[in-house]
Amino acid sequence: MRKAIQFLGAYLVLSGISGVVDHLAVQPVMGVFLNFFNRVVIPRVDFLTGYEVFANLVLSAIGVAVVVAAERTEP
């Protein structure tokens, strides 16, 4: 279970970074997989309009927190 949570956290970090790169430059590699949050969630949440980069950075920070929390739990 610990590895699954770490994988989820790593996915959130990569997804957030990919979303920032997508907004600032071009579509990164594996954009369909990594930009799910960016392409599906953000357009449907009205208060995130105009704050896409910030939302993706927060997603990355949440991913880091999940990875750290998974590391600190005892097996």
PDB file of N, CA and C in Angstrom:
ATOM      1  N   MET A   1       0.828  -1.197   0.000  1.00  0.00           N
ATOM      2  CA  MET A   1       0.000   0.000   0.000  1.00  0.00           C
ATOM      3  C   MET A   1       0.871   1.260   0.000  1.00  0.00           C
ATOM      4  N   ARG A   2       1.984   1.169   0.707  1.00  0.00           N
ATOM      5  CA  ARG A   2       2.886   2.315   0.790  1.00  0.00           C
ATOM      6  C   ARG A   2       3.429   2.683  -0.595  1.00  0.00           C
ATOM      7  N   LYS A   3       3.793   1.678  -1.378  1.00  0.00           N
ATOM      8  CA  LYS A   3       4.316   1.932  -2.728  1.00  0.00           C
ATOM      9  C   LYS A   3       3.239   2.525  -3.634  1.00  0.00           C
ATOM     10  N   ALA A   4       2.000   2.102  -3.460  1.00  0.00           N
ATOM     11  CA  ALA A   4       0.908   2.650  -4.274  1.00  0.00           C
ATOM     12  C   ALA A   4       0.699   4.128  -3.963  1.00  0.00           C
ATOM     13  N   ILE A   5       0.795   4.498  -2.695  1.00  0.00           N
ATOM     14  CA  ILE A   5       0.645   5.900  -2.311  1.00  0.00           C
ATOM     15  C   ILE A   5       1.817   6.722  -2.828  1.00  0.00           C
ATOM     16  N   GLN A   6       3.011   6.154  -2.783  1.00  0.00           N
ATOM     17  CA  GLN A   6       4.172   6.849  -3.337  1.00  0.00           C
ATOM     18  C   GLN A   6       4.023   7.039  -4.849  1.00  0.00           C
ATOM     19  N   PHE A   7       3.510   6.036  -5.519  1.00  0.00           N
ATOM     20  CA  PHE A   7       3.283   6.147  -6.962  1.00  0.00           C
ATOM     21  C   PHE A   7       2.256   7.238  -7.264  1.00  0.00           C
ATOM     22  N   LEU A   8       1.185   7.294  -6.481  1.00  0.00           N
ATOM     23  CA  LEU A   8       0.175   8.337  -6.659  1.00  0.00           C
ATOM     24  C   LEU A   8       0.789   9.718  -6.461  1.00  0.00           C
ATOM     25  N   GLY A   9       1.609   9.875  -5.430  1.00  0.00           N
ATOM     26  CA  GLY A   9       2.275  11.153  -5.191  1.00  0.00           C
ATOM     27  C   GLY A   9       3.204  11.537  -6.324  1.00  0.00           C
ATOM     28  N   ALA A  10       3.953  10.556  -6.836  1.00  0.00           N
ATOM     29  CA  ALA A  10       4.855  10.833  -7.961  1.00  0.00           C
ATOM     30  C   ALA A  10       4.062  11.230  -9.201  1.00  0.00           C
ATOM     31  N   TYR A  11       2.923  10.572  -9.423  1.00  0.00           N
ATOM     32  CA  TYR A  11       2.068  10.941 -10.551  1.00  0.00           C
ATOM     33  C   TYR A  11       1.565  12.380 -10.400  1.00  0.00           C
ATOM     34  N   LEU A  12       1.152  12.758  -9.182  1.00  0.00           N
ATOM     35  CA  LEU A  12       0.665  14.121  -8.960  1.00  0.00           C
ATOM     36  C   LEU A  12       1.764  15.147  -9.223  1.00  0.00           C
ATOM     37  N   VAL A  13       2.977  14.852  -8.784  1.00  0.00           N
ATOM     38  CA  VAL A  13       4.102  15.770  -9.033  1.00  0.00           C
ATOM     39  C   VAL A  13       4.347  15.904 -10.533  1.00  0.00           C
ATOM     40  N   LEU A  14       4.441  14.784 -11.228  1.00  0.00           N
ATOM     41  CA  LEU A  14       4.684  14.831 -12.671  1.00  0.00           C
ATOM     42  C   LEU A  14       3.536  15.498 -13.425  1.00  0.00           C
ATOM     43  N   SER A  15       2.324  15.248 -12.996  1.00  0.00           N
ATOM     44  CA  SER A  15       1.158  15.846 -13.641  1.00  0.00           C
ATOM     45  C   SER A  15       1.157  17.363 -13.453  1.00  0.00           C
ATOM     46  N   GLY A  16       1.481  17.820 -12.274  1.00  0.00           N
ATOM     47  CA  GLY A  16       1.539  19.264 -12.023  1.00  0.00           C
ATOM     48  C   GLY A  16       2.626  19.949 -12.819  1.00  0.00           C
ATOM     49  N   ILE A  17       3.799  19.345 -12.863  1.00  0.00           N
ATOM     50  CA  ILE A  17       4.903  19.925 -13.628  1.00  0.00           C
ATOM     51  C   ILE A  17       4.573  19.918 -15.119  1.00  0.00           C
ATOM     52  N   SER A  18       3.988  18.837 -15.586  1.00  0.00           N
ATOM     53  CA  SER A  18       3.596  18.756 -16.990  1.00  0.00           C
ATOM     54  C   SER A  18       2.564  19.821 -17.339  1.00  0.00           C
ATOM     55  N   GLY A  19       1.630  20.081 -16.437  1.00  0.00           N
ATOM     56  CA  GLY A  19       0.630  21.116 -16.676  1.00  0.00           C
ATOM     57  C   GLY A  19       1.234  22.505 -16.757  1.00  0.00           C
ATOM     58  N   VAL A  20       2.211  22.784 -15.903  1.00  0.00           N
ATOM     59  CA  VAL A  20       2.888  24.084 -15.950  1.00  0.00           C
ATOM     60  C   VAL A  20       3.646  24.235 -17.261  1.00  0.00           C
ATOM     61  N   VAL A  21       4.363  23.193 -17.656  1.00  0.00           N
ATOM     62  CA  VAL A  21       5.098  23.238 -18.921  1.00  0.00           C
ATOM     63  C   VAL A  21       4.135  23.424 -20.088  1.00  0.00           C
ATOM     64  N   ASP A  22       2.995  22.759 -20.027  1.00  0.00           N
ATOM     65  CA  ASP A  22       1.997  22.869 -21.092  1.00  0.00           C
ATOM     66  C   ASP A  22       1.473  24.299 -21.206  1.00  0.00           C
ATOM     67  N   HIS A  23       1.263  24.954 -20.085  1.00  0.00           N
ATOM     68  CA  HIS A  23       0.750  26.329 -20.132  1.00  0.00           C
ATOM     69  C   HIS A  23       1.817  27.339 -20.518  1.00  0.00           C
ATOM     70  N   LEU A  24       3.068  27.083 -20.180  1.00  0.00           N
ATOM     71  CA  LEU A  24       4.116  28.055 -20.455  1.00  0.00           C
ATOM     72  C   LEU A  24       4.818  27.832 -21.791  1.00  0.00           C
ATOM     73  N   ALA A  25       4.849  26.598 -22.272  1.00  0.00           N
ATOM     74  CA  ALA A  25       5.594  26.318 -23.507  1.00  0.00           C
ATOM     75  C   ALA A  25       4.742  25.494 -24.471  1.00  0.00           C
ATOM     76  N   VAL A  26       4.973  24.212 -24.508  1.00  0.00           N
ATOM     77  CA  VAL A  26       4.281  23.328 -25.447  1.00  0.00           C
ATOM     78  C   VAL A  26       3.836  22.069 -24.729  1.00  0.00           C
ATOM     79  N   GLN A  27       3.076  21.248 -25.451  1.00  0.00           N
ATOM     80  CA  GLN A  27       2.615  19.966 -24.927  1.00  0.00           C
ATOM     81  C   GLN A  27       3.814  19.057 -24.660  1.00  0.00           C
ATOM     82  N   PRO A  28       4.011  18.619 -23.417  1.00  0.00           N
ATOM     83  CA  PRO A  28       5.144  17.736 -23.121  1.00  0.00           C
ATOM     84  C   PRO A  28       4.878  16.292 -23.556  1.00  0.00           C
ATOM     85  N   VAL A  29       5.863  15.472 -23.382  1.00  0.00           N
ATOM     86  CA  VAL A  29       5.763  14.054 -23.702  1.00  0.00           C
ATOM     87  C   VAL A  29       4.712  13.415 -22.791  1.00  0.00           C
ATOM     88  N   MET A  30       3.947  12.495 -23.325  1.00  0.00           N
ATOM     89  CA  MET A  30       2.885  11.810 -22.597  1.00  0.00           C
ATOM     90  C   MET A  30       1.844  12.794 -22.070  1.00  0.00           C
ATOM     91  N   GLY A  31       1.569  13.829 -22.837  1.00  0.00           N
ATOM     92  CA  GLY A  31       0.652  14.874 -22.410  1.00  0.00           C
ATOM     93  C   GLY A  31      -0.763  14.397 -22.152  1.00  0.00           C
ATOM     94  N   VAL A  32      -1.238  13.426 -22.894  1.00  0.00           N
ATOM     95  CA  VAL A  32      -2.596  12.917 -22.703  1.00  0.00           C
ATOM     96  C   VAL A  32      -2.716  12.276 -21.327  1.00  0.00           C
ATOM     97  N   PHE A  33      -1.704  11.535 -20.913  1.00  0.00           N
ATOM     98  CA  PHE A  33      -1.718  10.857 -19.624  1.00  0.00           C
ATOM     99  C   PHE A  33      -1.444  11.827 -18.476  1.00  0.00           C
ATOM    100  N   LEU A  34      -0.440  12.694 -18.646  1.00  0.00           N
ATOM    101  CA  LEU A  34      -0.024  13.570 -17.554  1.00  0.00           C
ATOM    102  C   LEU A  34      -0.878  14.828 -17.427  1.00  0.00           C
ATOM    103  N   ASN A  35      -1.573  15.230 -18.466  1.00  0.00           N
ATOM    104  CA  ASN A  35      -2.350  16.459 -18.409  1.00  0.00           C
ATOM    105  C   ASN A  35      -3.837  16.236 -18.185  1.00  0.00           C
ATOM    106  N   PHE A  36      -4.214  15.124 -17.594  1.00  0.00           N
ATOM    107  CA  PHE A  36      -5.624  14.861 -17.306  1.00  0.00           C
ATOM    108  C   PHE A  36      -6.199  15.969 -16.425  1.00  0.00           C
ATOM    109  N   PHE A  37      -5.498  16.336 -15.355  1.00  0.00           N
ATOM    110  CA  PHE A  37      -5.951  17.401 -14.462  1.00  0.00           C
ATOM    111  C   PHE A  37      -6.073  18.715 -15.221  1.00  0.00           C
ATOM    112  N   ASN A  38      -5.090  18.974 -16.052  1.00  0.00           N
ATOM    113  CA  ASN A  38      -5.021  20.215 -16.805  1.00  0.00           C
ATOM    114  C   ASN A  38      -6.124  20.314 -17.866  1.00  0.00           C
ATOM    115  N   ARG A  39      -6.462  19.211 -18.496  1.00  0.00           N
ATOM    116  CA  ARG A  39      -7.426  19.216 -19.601  1.00  0.00           C
ATOM    117  C   ARG A  39      -8.859  18.943 -19.177  1.00  0.00           C
ATOM    118  N   VAL A  40      -9.054  18.235 -18.061  1.00  0.00           N
ATOM    119  CA  VAL A  40     -10.400  17.827 -17.665  1.00  0.00           C
ATOM    120  C   VAL A  40     -10.887  18.583 -16.432  1.00  0.00           C
ATOM    121  N   VAL A  41     -10.071  18.682 -15.410  1.00  0.00           N
ATOM    122  CA  VAL A  41     -10.526  19.260 -14.139  1.00  0.00           C
ATOM    123  C   VAL A  41     -10.565  20.785 -14.191  1.00  0.00           C
ATOM    124  N   ILE A  42      -9.478  21.407 -14.597  1.00  0.00           N
ATOM    125  CA  ILE A  42      -9.386  22.877 -14.563  1.00  0.00           C
ATOM    126  C   ILE A  42     -10.472  23.558 -15.393  1.00  0.00           C
ATOM    127  N   PRO A  43     -10.770  23.123 -16.621  1.00  0.00           N
ATOM    128  CA  PRO A  43     -11.832  23.812 -17.375  1.00  0.00           C
ATOM    129  C   PRO A  43     -13.221  23.694 -16.748  1.00  0.00           C
ATOM    130  N   ARG A  44     -13.437  22.693 -15.907  1.00  0.00           N
ATOM    131  CA  ARG A  44     -14.766  22.488 -15.309  1.00  0.00           C
ATOM    132  C   ARG A  44     -14.932  23.180 -13.961  1.00  0.00           C
ATOM    133  N   VAL A  45     -13.848  23.703 -13.398  1.00  0.00           N
ATOM    134  CA  VAL A  45     -13.913  24.387 -12.105  1.00  0.00           C
ATOM    135  C   VAL A  45     -13.739  25.887 -12.376  1.00  0.00           C
ATOM    136  N   ASP A  46     -14.812  26.634 -12.188  1.00  0.00           N
ATOM    137  CA  ASP A  46     -14.826  28.042 -12.604  1.00  0.00           C
ATOM    138  C   ASP A  46     -13.810  28.910 -11.865  1.00  0.00           C
ATOM    139  N   PHE A  47     -13.608  28.685 -10.566  1.00  0.00           N
ATOM    140  CA  PHE A  47     -12.726  29.583  -9.837  1.00  0.00           C
ATOM    141  C   PHE A  47     -11.247  29.369 -10.166  1.00  0.00           C
ATOM    142  N   LEU A  48     -10.913  28.335 -10.933  1.00  0.00           N
ATOM    143  CA  LEU A  48      -9.534  28.124 -11.363  1.00  0.00           C
ATOM    144  C   LEU A  48      -9.216  28.825 -12.676  1.00  0.00           C
ATOM    145  N   THR A  49     -10.207  29.417 -13.314  1.00  0.00           N
ATOM    146  CA  THR A  49      -9.989  30.116 -14.574  1.00  0.00           C
ATOM    147  C   THR A  49      -9.036  31.287 -14.346  1.00  0.00           C
ATOM    148  N   GLY A  50      -7.956  31.294 -15.086  1.00  0.00           N
ATOM    149  CA  GLY A  50      -6.936  32.321 -14.944  1.00  0.00           C
ATOM    150  C   GLY A  50      -5.827  31.936 -13.983  1.00  0.00           C
ATOM    151  N   TYR A  51      -6.012  30.859 -13.253  1.00  0.00           N
ATOM    152  CA  TYR A  51      -5.025  30.412 -12.262  1.00  0.00           C
ATOM    153  C   TYR A  51      -4.523  29.010 -12.588  1.00  0.00           C
ATOM    154  N   GLU A  52      -4.434  28.683 -13.856  1.00  0.00           N
ATOM    155  CA  GLU A  52      -4.070  27.332 -14.266  1.00  0.00           C
ATOM    156  C   GLU A  52      -2.666  26.956 -13.815  1.00  0.00           C
ATOM    157  N   VAL A  53      -1.709  27.868 -13.969  1.00  0.00           N
ATOM    158  CA  VAL A  53      -0.329  27.573 -13.573  1.00  0.00           C
ATOM    159  C   VAL A  53      -0.261  27.363 -12.062  1.00  0.00           C
ATOM    160  N   PHE A  54      -0.909  28.237 -11.314  1.00  0.00           N
ATOM    161  CA  PHE A  54      -0.930  28.113  -9.854  1.00  0.00           C
ATOM    162  C   PHE A  54      -1.573  26.790  -9.432  1.00  0.00           C
ATOM    163  N   ALA A  55      -2.665  26.408 -10.069  1.00  0.00           N
ATOM    164  CA  ALA A  55      -3.346  25.153  -9.736  1.00  0.00           C
ATOM    165  C   ALA A  55      -2.441  23.955 -10.000  1.00  0.00           C
ATOM    166  N   ASN A  56      -1.694  23.998 -11.084  1.00  0.00           N
ATOM    167  CA  ASN A  56      -0.770  22.895 -11.378  1.00  0.00           C
ATOM    168  C   ASN A  56       0.396  22.858 -10.399  1.00  0.00           C
ATOM    169  N   LEU A  57       0.871  24.015  -9.966  1.00  0.00           N
ATOM    170  CA  LEU A  57       1.932  24.043  -8.962  1.00  0.00           C
ATOM    171  C   LEU A  57       1.427  23.512  -7.622  1.00  0.00           C
ATOM    172  N   VAL A  58       0.189  23.837  -7.268  1.00  0.00           N
ATOM    173  CA  VAL A  58      -0.403  23.303  -6.036  1.00  0.00           C
ATOM    174  C   VAL A  58      -0.548  21.787  -6.149  1.00  0.00           C
ATOM    175  N   LEU A  59      -0.924  21.295  -7.312  1.00  0.00           N
ATOM    176  CA  LEU A  59      -1.028  19.852  -7.528  1.00  0.00           C
ATOM    177  C   LEU A  59       0.333  19.182  -7.306  1.00  0.00           C
ATOM    178  N   SER A  60       1.398  19.800  -7.789  1.00  0.00           N
ATOM    179  CA  SER A  60       2.739  19.260  -7.565  1.00  0.00           C
ATOM    180  C   SER A  60       3.099  19.277  -6.086  1.00  0.00           C
ATOM    181  N   ALA A  61       2.762  20.344  -5.394  1.00  0.00           N
ATOM    182  CA  ALA A  61       3.056  20.432  -3.961  1.00  0.00           C
ATOM    183  C   ALA A  61       2.287  19.367  -3.178  1.00  0.00           C
ATOM    184  N   ILE A  62       1.056  19.127  -3.552  1.00  0.00           N
ATOM    185  CA  ILE A  62       0.274  18.063  -2.905  1.00  0.00           C
ATOM    186  C   ILE A  62       0.936  16.710  -3.165  1.00  0.00           C
ATOM    187  N   GLY A  63       1.428  16.499  -4.368  1.00  0.00           N
ATOM    188  CA  GLY A  63       2.121  15.257  -4.687  1.00  0.00           C
ATOM    189  C   GLY A  63       3.366  15.054  -3.838  1.00  0.00           C
ATOM    190  N   VAL A  64       4.131  16.127  -3.637  1.00  0.00           N
ATOM    191  CA  VAL A  64       5.317  16.044  -2.777  1.00  0.00           C
ATOM    192  C   VAL A  64       4.899  15.701  -1.351  1.00  0.00           C
ATOM    193  N   ALA A  65       3.844  16.328  -0.867  1.00  0.00           N
ATOM    194  CA  ALA A  65       3.360  16.050   0.488  1.00  0.00           C
ATOM    195  C   ALA A  65       2.910  14.597   0.629  1.00  0.00           C
ATOM    196  N   VAL A  66       2.270  14.054  -0.388  1.00  0.00           N
ATOM    197  CA  VAL A  66       1.829  12.655  -0.349  1.00  0.00           C
ATOM    198  C   VAL A  66       3.027  11.712  -0.316  1.00  0.00           C
ATOM    199  N   VAL A  67       4.044  11.996  -1.112  1.00  0.00           N
ATOM    200  CA  VAL A  67       5.248  11.157  -1.126  1.00  0.00           C
ATOM    201  C   VAL A  67       5.948  11.214   0.234  1.00  0.00           C
ATOM    202  N   VAL A  68       6.084  12.403   0.799  1.00  0.00           N
ATOM    203  CA  VAL A  68       6.736  12.544   2.101  1.00  0.00           C
ATOM    204  C   VAL A  68       5.932  11.829   3.183  1.00  0.00           C
ATOM    205  N   ALA A  69       4.623  11.968   3.149  1.00  0.00           N
ATOM    206  CA  ALA A  69       3.779  11.292   4.136  1.00  0.00           C
ATOM    207  C   ALA A  69       3.885   9.776   4.004  1.00  0.00           C
ATOM    208  N   ALA A  70       3.968   9.282   2.790  1.00  0.00           N
ATOM    209  CA  ALA A  70       4.101   7.838   2.583  1.00  0.00           C
ATOM    210  C   ALA A  70       5.453   7.339   3.084  1.00  0.00           C
ATOM    211  N   GLU A  71       6.481   8.160   2.929  1.00  0.00           N
ATOM    212  CA  GLU A  71       7.808   7.783   3.416  1.00  0.00           C
ATOM    213  C   GLU A  71       7.848   7.713   4.935  1.00  0.00           C
ATOM    214  N   ARG A  72       7.111   8.566   5.599  1.00  0.00           N
ATOM    215  CA  ARG A  72       7.158   8.647   7.065  1.00  0.00           C
ATOM    216  C   ARG A  72       6.304   7.603   7.766  1.00  0.00           C
ATOM    217  N   THR A  73       5.420   6.963   7.046  1.00  0.00           N
ATOM    218  CA  THR A  73       4.597   5.937   7.682  1.00  0.00           C
ATOM    219  C   THR A  73       5.423   4.666   7.865  1.00  0.00           C
ATOM    220  N   GLU A  74       5.122   3.960   8.899  1.00  0.00           N
ATOM    221  CA  GLU A  74       5.841   2.720   9.162  1.00  0.00           C
ATOM    222  C   GLU A  74       5.211   1.578   8.382  1.00  0.00           C
ATOM    223  N   PRO A  75       6.049   0.685   7.864  1.00  0.00           N
ATOM    224  CA  PRO A  75       5.502  -0.423   7.056  1.00  0.00           C
ATOM    225  C   PRO A  75       4.703  -1.422   7.867  1.00  0.00           C
TER     226      PRO A  75
END
